[in-house]
Amino acid sequence: GAIESVKAASDLIAPASGEVIEVNEALA
């Protein structure tokens, strides 16, 4: 995924492999 700020956008890099079982909906 990616994270964007008022200054920059940055890719999110997975530190480990696996299946996504939940996303933090509050961040949307």
PDB file of all heavy atoms in Angstrom:
ATOM      1  N   GLY A   1       0.848  -1.184   0.000  1.00  0.00           N
ATOM      2  CA  GLY A   1       0.000   0.000   0.000  1.00  0.00           C
ATOM      3  C   GLY A   1       0.882   1.231   0.000  1.00  0.00           C
ATOM      4  O   GLY A   1       2.071   1.157  -0.315  1.00  0.00           O
ATOM      5  N   ALA A   2       0.290   2.357   0.363  1.00  0.00           N
ATOM      6  CA  ALA A   2       1.040   3.612   0.405  1.00  0.00           C
ATOM      7  C   ALA A   2       0.475   4.504   1.490  1.00  0.00           C
ATOM      8  O   ALA A   2      -0.671   4.326   1.917  1.00  0.00           O
ATOM      9  CB  ALA A   2       0.967   4.312  -0.947  1.00  0.00           C
ATOM     10  N   ILE A   3       1.290   5.428   1.921  1.00  0.00           N
ATOM     11  CA  ILE A   3       0.844   6.413   2.902  1.00  0.00           C
ATOM     12  C   ILE A   3       1.228   7.777   2.361  1.00  0.00           C
ATOM     13  O   ILE A   3       2.329   7.947   1.822  1.00  0.00           O
ATOM     14  CB  ILE A   3       1.444   6.112   4.299  1.00  0.00           C
ATOM     15  CG1 ILE A   3       0.804   6.984   5.366  1.00  0.00           C
ATOM     16  CG2 ILE A   3       2.964   6.214   4.303  1.00  0.00           C
ATOM     17  CD1 ILE A   3       0.981   6.459   6.773  1.00  0.00           C
ATOM     18  N   GLU A   4       0.292   8.720   2.444  1.00  0.00           N
ATOM     19  CA  GLU A   4       0.542  10.043   1.893  1.00  0.00           C
ATOM     20  C   GLU A   4       0.415  11.081   2.982  1.00  0.00           C
ATOM     21  O   GLU A   4      -0.482  11.010   3.827  1.00  0.00           O
ATOM     22  CB  GLU A   4      -0.465  10.355   0.783  1.00  0.00           C
ATOM     23  CG  GLU A   4      -0.304   9.453  -0.420  1.00  0.00           C
ATOM     24  CD  GLU A   4      -1.334   9.720  -1.504  1.00  0.00           C
ATOM     25  OE1 GLU A   4      -1.871  10.845  -1.568  1.00  0.00           O
ATOM     26  OE2 GLU A   4      -1.614   8.787  -2.268  1.00  0.00           O
ATOM     27  N   SER A   5       1.320  12.056   2.925  1.00  0.00           N
ATOM     28  CA  SER A   5       1.252  13.188   3.843  1.00  0.00           C
ATOM     29  C   SER A   5       1.186  14.454   3.009  1.00  0.00           C
ATOM     30  O   SER A   5       1.243  14.395   1.777  1.00  0.00           O
ATOM     31  CB  SER A   5       2.492  13.216   4.747  1.00  0.00           C
ATOM     32  OG  SER A   5       3.630  13.600   3.998  1.00  0.00           O
ATOM     33  N   VAL A   6       1.103  15.593   3.683  1.00  0.00           N
ATOM     34  CA  VAL A   6       1.097  16.850   2.940  1.00  0.00           C
ATOM     35  C   VAL A   6       2.431  17.066   2.238  1.00  0.00           C
ATOM     36  O   VAL A   6       2.503  17.775   1.249  1.00  0.00           O
ATOM     37  CB  VAL A   6       0.757  18.052   3.866  1.00  0.00           C
ATOM     38  CG1 VAL A   6      -0.687  17.986   4.303  1.00  0.00           C
ATOM     39  CG2 VAL A   6       1.670  18.111   5.069  1.00  0.00           C
ATOM     40  N   LYS A   7       3.508  16.398   2.705  1.00  0.00           N
ATOM     41  CA  LYS A   7       4.845  16.572   2.132  1.00  0.00           C
ATOM     42  C   LYS A   7       5.217  15.524   1.099  1.00  0.00           C
ATOM     43  O   LYS A   7       5.960  15.819   0.169  1.00  0.00           O
ATOM     44  CB  LYS A   7       5.914  16.484   3.240  1.00  0.00           C
ATOM     45  CG  LYS A   7       5.868  17.589   4.263  1.00  0.00           C
ATOM     46  CD  LYS A   7       7.165  17.682   5.040  1.00  0.00           C
ATOM     47  CE  LYS A   7       7.442  16.471   5.901  1.00  0.00           C
ATOM     48  NZ  LYS A   7       8.430  16.701   6.948  1.00  0.00           N
ATOM     49  N   ALA A   8       4.774  14.287   1.304  1.00  0.00           N
ATOM     50  CA  ALA A   8       5.311  13.199   0.484  1.00  0.00           C
ATOM     51  C   ALA A   8       4.377  11.999   0.476  1.00  0.00           C
ATOM     52  O   ALA A   8       3.479  11.889   1.310  1.00  0.00           O
ATOM     53  CB  ALA A   8       6.667  12.764   1.046  1.00  0.00           C
ATOM     54  N   ALA A   9       4.626  11.110  -0.475  1.00  0.00           N
ATOM     55  CA  ALA A   9       3.946   9.818  -0.487  1.00  0.00           C
ATOM     56  C   ALA A   9       5.027   8.754  -0.345  1.00  0.00           C
ATOM     57  O   ALA A   9       6.137   8.921  -0.841  1.00  0.00           O
ATOM     58  CB  ALA A   9       3.179   9.616  -1.778  1.00  0.00           C
ATOM     59  N   SER A  10       4.702   7.693   0.352  1.00  0.00           N
ATOM     60  CA  SER A  10       5.690   6.656   0.598  1.00  0.00           C
ATOM     61  C   SER A  10       5.030   5.292   0.472  1.00  0.00           C
ATOM     62  O   SER A  10       3.910   5.096   0.950  1.00  0.00           O
ATOM     63  CB  SER A  10       6.247   6.850   2.012  1.00  0.00           C
ATOM     64  OG  SER A  10       7.276   5.944   2.279  1.00  0.00           O
ATOM     65  N   ASP A  11       5.726   4.369  -0.200  1.00  0.00           N
ATOM     66  CA  ASP A  11       5.214   3.006  -0.278  1.00  0.00           C
ATOM     67  C   ASP A  11       5.303   2.353   1.089  1.00  0.00           C
ATOM     68  O   ASP A  11       6.217   2.635   1.867  1.00  0.00           O
ATOM     69  CB  ASP A  11       6.036   2.170  -1.269  1.00  0.00           C
ATOM     70  CG  ASP A  11       5.767   2.555  -2.710  1.00  0.00           C
ATOM     71  OD1 ASP A  11       4.678   3.083  -2.999  1.00  0.00           O
ATOM     72  OD2 ASP A  11       6.658   2.323  -3.544  1.00  0.00           O
ATOM     73  N   LEU A  12       4.355   1.475   1.359  1.00  0.00           N
ATOM     74  CA  LEU A  12       4.387   0.654   2.571  1.00  0.00           C
ATOM     75  C   LEU A  12       4.962  -0.700   2.166  1.00  0.00           C
ATOM     76  O   LEU A  12       4.471  -1.325   1.224  1.00  0.00           O
ATOM     77  CB  LEU A  12       2.972   0.493   3.135  1.00  0.00           C
ATOM     78  CG  LEU A  12       2.345   1.789   3.644  1.00  0.00           C
ATOM     79  CD1 LEU A  12       0.847   1.613   3.858  1.00  0.00           C
ATOM     80  CD2 LEU A  12       3.017   2.238   4.933  1.00  0.00           C
ATOM     81  N   ILE A  13       6.001  -1.141   2.851  1.00  0.00           N
ATOM     82  CA  ILE A  13       6.686  -2.390   2.522  1.00  0.00           C
ATOM     83  C   ILE A  13       6.354  -3.414   3.618  1.00  0.00           C
ATOM     84  O   ILE A  13       6.533  -3.139   4.796  1.00  0.00           O
ATOM     85  CB  ILE A  13       8.221  -2.185   2.466  1.00  0.00           C
ATOM     86  CG1 ILE A  13       8.604  -0.988   1.582  1.00  0.00           C
ATOM     87  CG2 ILE A  13       8.917  -3.475   2.024  1.00  0.00           C
ATOM     88  CD1 ILE A  13       8.274  -1.118   0.131  1.00  0.00           C
ATOM     89  N   ALA A  14       5.905  -4.580   3.185  1.00  0.00           N
ATOM     90  CA  ALA A  14       5.553  -5.633   4.151  1.00  0.00           C
ATOM     91  C   ALA A  14       6.814  -6.166   4.830  1.00  0.00           C
ATOM     92  O   ALA A  14       7.750  -6.578   4.157  1.00  0.00           O
ATOM     93  CB  ALA A  14       4.813  -6.764   3.451  1.00  0.00           C
ATOM     94  N   PRO A  15       6.844  -6.166   6.173  1.00  0.00           N
ATOM     95  CA  PRO A  15       8.001  -6.713   6.876  1.00  0.00           C
ATOM     96  C   PRO A  15       8.003  -8.245   6.896  1.00  0.00           C
ATOM     97  O   PRO A  15       9.024  -8.864   7.133  1.00  0.00           O
ATOM     98  CB  PRO A  15       7.875  -6.142   8.289  1.00  0.00           C
ATOM     99  CG  PRO A  15       6.444  -5.766   8.437  1.00  0.00           C
ATOM    100  CD  PRO A  15       5.906  -5.501   7.070  1.00  0.00           C
ATOM    101  N   ALA A  16       6.850  -8.836   6.637  1.00  0.00           N
ATOM    102  CA  ALA A  16       6.723 -10.301   6.637  1.00  0.00           C
ATOM    103  C   ALA A  16       5.597 -10.680   5.677  1.00  0.00           C
ATOM    104  O   ALA A  16       4.773  -9.846   5.322  1.00  0.00           O
ATOM    105  CB  ALA A  16       6.424 -10.812   8.045  1.00  0.00           C
ATOM    106  N   SER A  17       5.586 -11.937   5.276  1.00  0.00           N
ATOM    107  CA  SER A  17       4.572 -12.427   4.341  1.00  0.00           C
ATOM    108  C   SER A  17       3.365 -12.986   5.088  1.00  0.00           C
ATOM    109  O   SER A  17       3.505 -13.508   6.196  1.00  0.00           O
ATOM    110  CB  SER A  17       5.157 -13.542   3.472  1.00  0.00           C
ATOM    111  OG  SER A  17       6.292 -13.084   2.784  1.00  0.00           O
ATOM    112  N   GLY A  18       2.203 -12.892   4.438  1.00  0.00           N
ATOM    113  CA  GLY A  18       1.010 -13.481   5.027  1.00  0.00           C
ATOM    114  C   GLY A  18      -0.254 -12.998   4.348  1.00  0.00           C
ATOM    115  O   GLY A  18      -0.212 -12.234   3.382  1.00  0.00           O
ATOM    116  N   GLU A  19      -1.373 -13.449   4.889  1.00  0.00           N
ATOM    117  CA  GLU A  19      -2.682 -13.057   4.369  1.00  0.00           C
ATOM    118  C   GLU A  19      -3.250 -11.939   5.226  1.00  0.00           C
ATOM    119  O   GLU A  19      -3.203 -12.013   6.459  1.00  0.00           O
ATOM    120  CB  GLU A  19      -3.640 -14.248   4.401  1.00  0.00           C
ATOM    121  CG  GLU A  19      -5.020 -13.882   3.874  1.00  0.00           C
ATOM    122  CD  GLU A  19      -6.031 -15.021   3.987  1.00  0.00           C
ATOM    123  OE1 GLU A  19      -5.611 -16.184   4.177  1.00  0.00           O
ATOM    124  OE2 GLU A  19      -7.234 -14.728   3.903  1.00  0.00           O
ATOM    125  N   VAL A  20      -3.765 -10.901   4.567  1.00  0.00           N
ATOM    126  CA  VAL A  20      -4.392  -9.790   5.284  1.00  0.00           C
ATOM    127  C   VAL A  20      -5.700 -10.298   5.900  1.00  0.00           C
ATOM    128  O   VAL A  20      -6.588 -10.772   5.182  1.00  0.00           O
ATOM    129  CB  VAL A  20      -4.658  -8.599   4.344  1.00  0.00           C
ATOM    130  CG1 VAL A  20      -5.367  -7.472   5.087  1.00  0.00           C
ATOM    131  CG2 VAL A  20      -3.362  -8.112   3.711  1.00  0.00           C
ATOM    132  N   ILE A  21      -5.790 -10.241   7.223  1.00  0.00           N
ATOM    133  CA  ILE A  21      -7.019 -10.694   7.890  1.00  0.00           C
ATOM    134  C   ILE A  21      -7.854  -9.530   8.418  1.00  0.00           C
ATOM    135  O   ILE A  21      -9.011  -9.715   8.775  1.00  0.00           O
ATOM    136  CB  ILE A  21      -6.718 -11.728   9.018  1.00  0.00           C
ATOM    137  CG1 ILE A  21      -5.700 -11.201  10.017  1.00  0.00           C
ATOM    138  CG2 ILE A  21      -6.249 -13.046   8.413  1.00  0.00           C
ATOM    139  CD1 ILE A  21      -5.452 -12.121  11.211  1.00  0.00           C
ATOM    140  N   GLU A  22      -7.255  -8.341   8.449  1.00  0.00           N
ATOM    141  CA  GLU A  22      -8.013  -7.159   8.860  1.00  0.00           C
ATOM    142  C   GLU A  22      -7.255  -5.918   8.401  1.00  0.00           C
ATOM    143  O   GLU A  22      -6.024  -5.936   8.317  1.00  0.00           O
ATOM    144  CB  GLU A  22      -8.157  -7.141  10.393  1.00  0.00           C
ATOM    145  CG  GLU A  22      -9.152  -6.134  10.917  1.00  0.00           C
ATOM    146  CD  GLU A  22      -9.318  -6.208  12.441  1.00  0.00           C
ATOM    147  OE1 GLU A  22      -9.055  -7.271  13.039  1.00  0.00           O
ATOM    148  OE2 GLU A  22      -9.700  -5.184  13.013  1.00  0.00           O
ATOM    149  N   VAL A  23      -7.995  -4.870   8.061  1.00  0.00           N
ATOM    150  CA  VAL A  23      -7.381  -3.564   7.806  1.00  0.00           C
ATOM    151  C   VAL A  23      -7.941  -2.600   8.841  1.00  0.00           C
ATOM    152  O   VAL A  23      -9.059  -2.787   9.334  1.00  0.00           O
ATOM    153  CB  VAL A  23      -7.636  -3.046   6.365  1.00  0.00           C
ATOM    154  CG1 VAL A  23      -6.994  -3.963   5.340  1.00  0.00           C
ATOM    155  CG2 VAL A  23      -9.100  -2.861   6.079  1.00  0.00           C
ATOM    156  N   ASN A  24      -7.166  -1.597   9.173  1.00  0.00           N
ATOM    157  CA  ASN A  24      -7.591  -0.631  10.187  1.00  0.00           C
ATOM    158  C   ASN A  24      -8.506   0.403   9.536  1.00  0.00           C
ATOM    159  O   ASN A  24      -8.047   1.410   9.016  1.00  0.00           O
ATOM    160  CB  ASN A  24      -6.368   0.017  10.835  1.00  0.00           C
ATOM    161  CG  ASN A  24      -6.737   0.864  12.033  1.00  0.00           C
ATOM    162  OD1 ASN A  24      -7.896   1.206  12.237  1.00  0.00           O
ATOM    163  ND2 ASN A  24      -5.739   1.215  12.823  1.00  0.00           N
ATOM    164  N   GLU A  25      -9.808   0.102   9.564  1.00  0.00           N
ATOM    165  CA  GLU A  25     -10.807   0.960   8.903  1.00  0.00           C
ATOM    166  C   GLU A  25     -10.809   2.380   9.459  1.00  0.00           C
ATOM    167  O   GLU A  25     -11.155   3.325   8.750  1.00  0.00           O
ATOM    168  CB  GLU A  25     -12.219   0.362   9.060  1.00  0.00           C
ATOM    169  CG  GLU A  25     -12.398  -1.002   8.412  1.00  0.00           C
ATOM    170  CD  GLU A  25     -12.440  -0.959   6.894  1.00  0.00           C
ATOM    171  OE1 GLU A  25     -12.450   0.149   6.314  1.00  0.00           O
ATOM    172  OE2 GLU A  25     -12.441  -2.044   6.281  1.00  0.00           O
ATOM    173  N   ALA A  26     -10.425   2.561  10.712  1.00  0.00           N
ATOM    174  CA  ALA A  26     -10.424   3.898  11.317  1.00  0.00           C
ATOM    175  C   ALA A  26      -9.511   4.844  10.543  1.00  0.00           C
ATOM    176  O   ALA A  26      -9.758   6.048  10.486  1.00  0.00           O
ATOM    177  CB  ALA A  26      -9.996   3.823  12.784  1.00  0.00           C
ATOM    178  N   LEU A  27      -8.466   4.306   9.910  1.00  0.00           N
ATOM    179  CA  LEU A  27      -7.522   5.155   9.174  1.00  0.00           C
ATOM    180  C   LEU A  27      -8.128   5.708   7.887  1.00  0.00           C
ATOM    181  O   LEU A  27      -7.686   6.737   7.396  1.00  0.00           O
ATOM    182  CB  LEU A  27      -6.243   4.381   8.847  1.00  0.00           C
ATOM    183  CG  LEU A  27      -5.428   3.905  10.051  1.00  0.00           C
ATOM    184  CD1 LEU A  27      -4.196   3.153   9.588  1.00  0.00           C
ATOM    185  CD2 LEU A  27      -5.045   5.054  10.963  1.00  0.00           C
ATOM    186  N   ALA A  28      -9.137   5.025   7.347  1.00  0.00           N
ATOM    187  CA  ALA A  28      -9.791   5.528   6.137  1.00  0.00           C
ATOM    188  C   ALA A  28     -10.473   6.860   6.439  1.00  0.00           C
ATOM    189  O   ALA A  28     -10.423   7.795   5.636  1.00  0.00           O
ATOM    190  CB  ALA A  28     -10.805   4.508   5.615  1.00  0.00           C
TER     191      ALA A  28
END
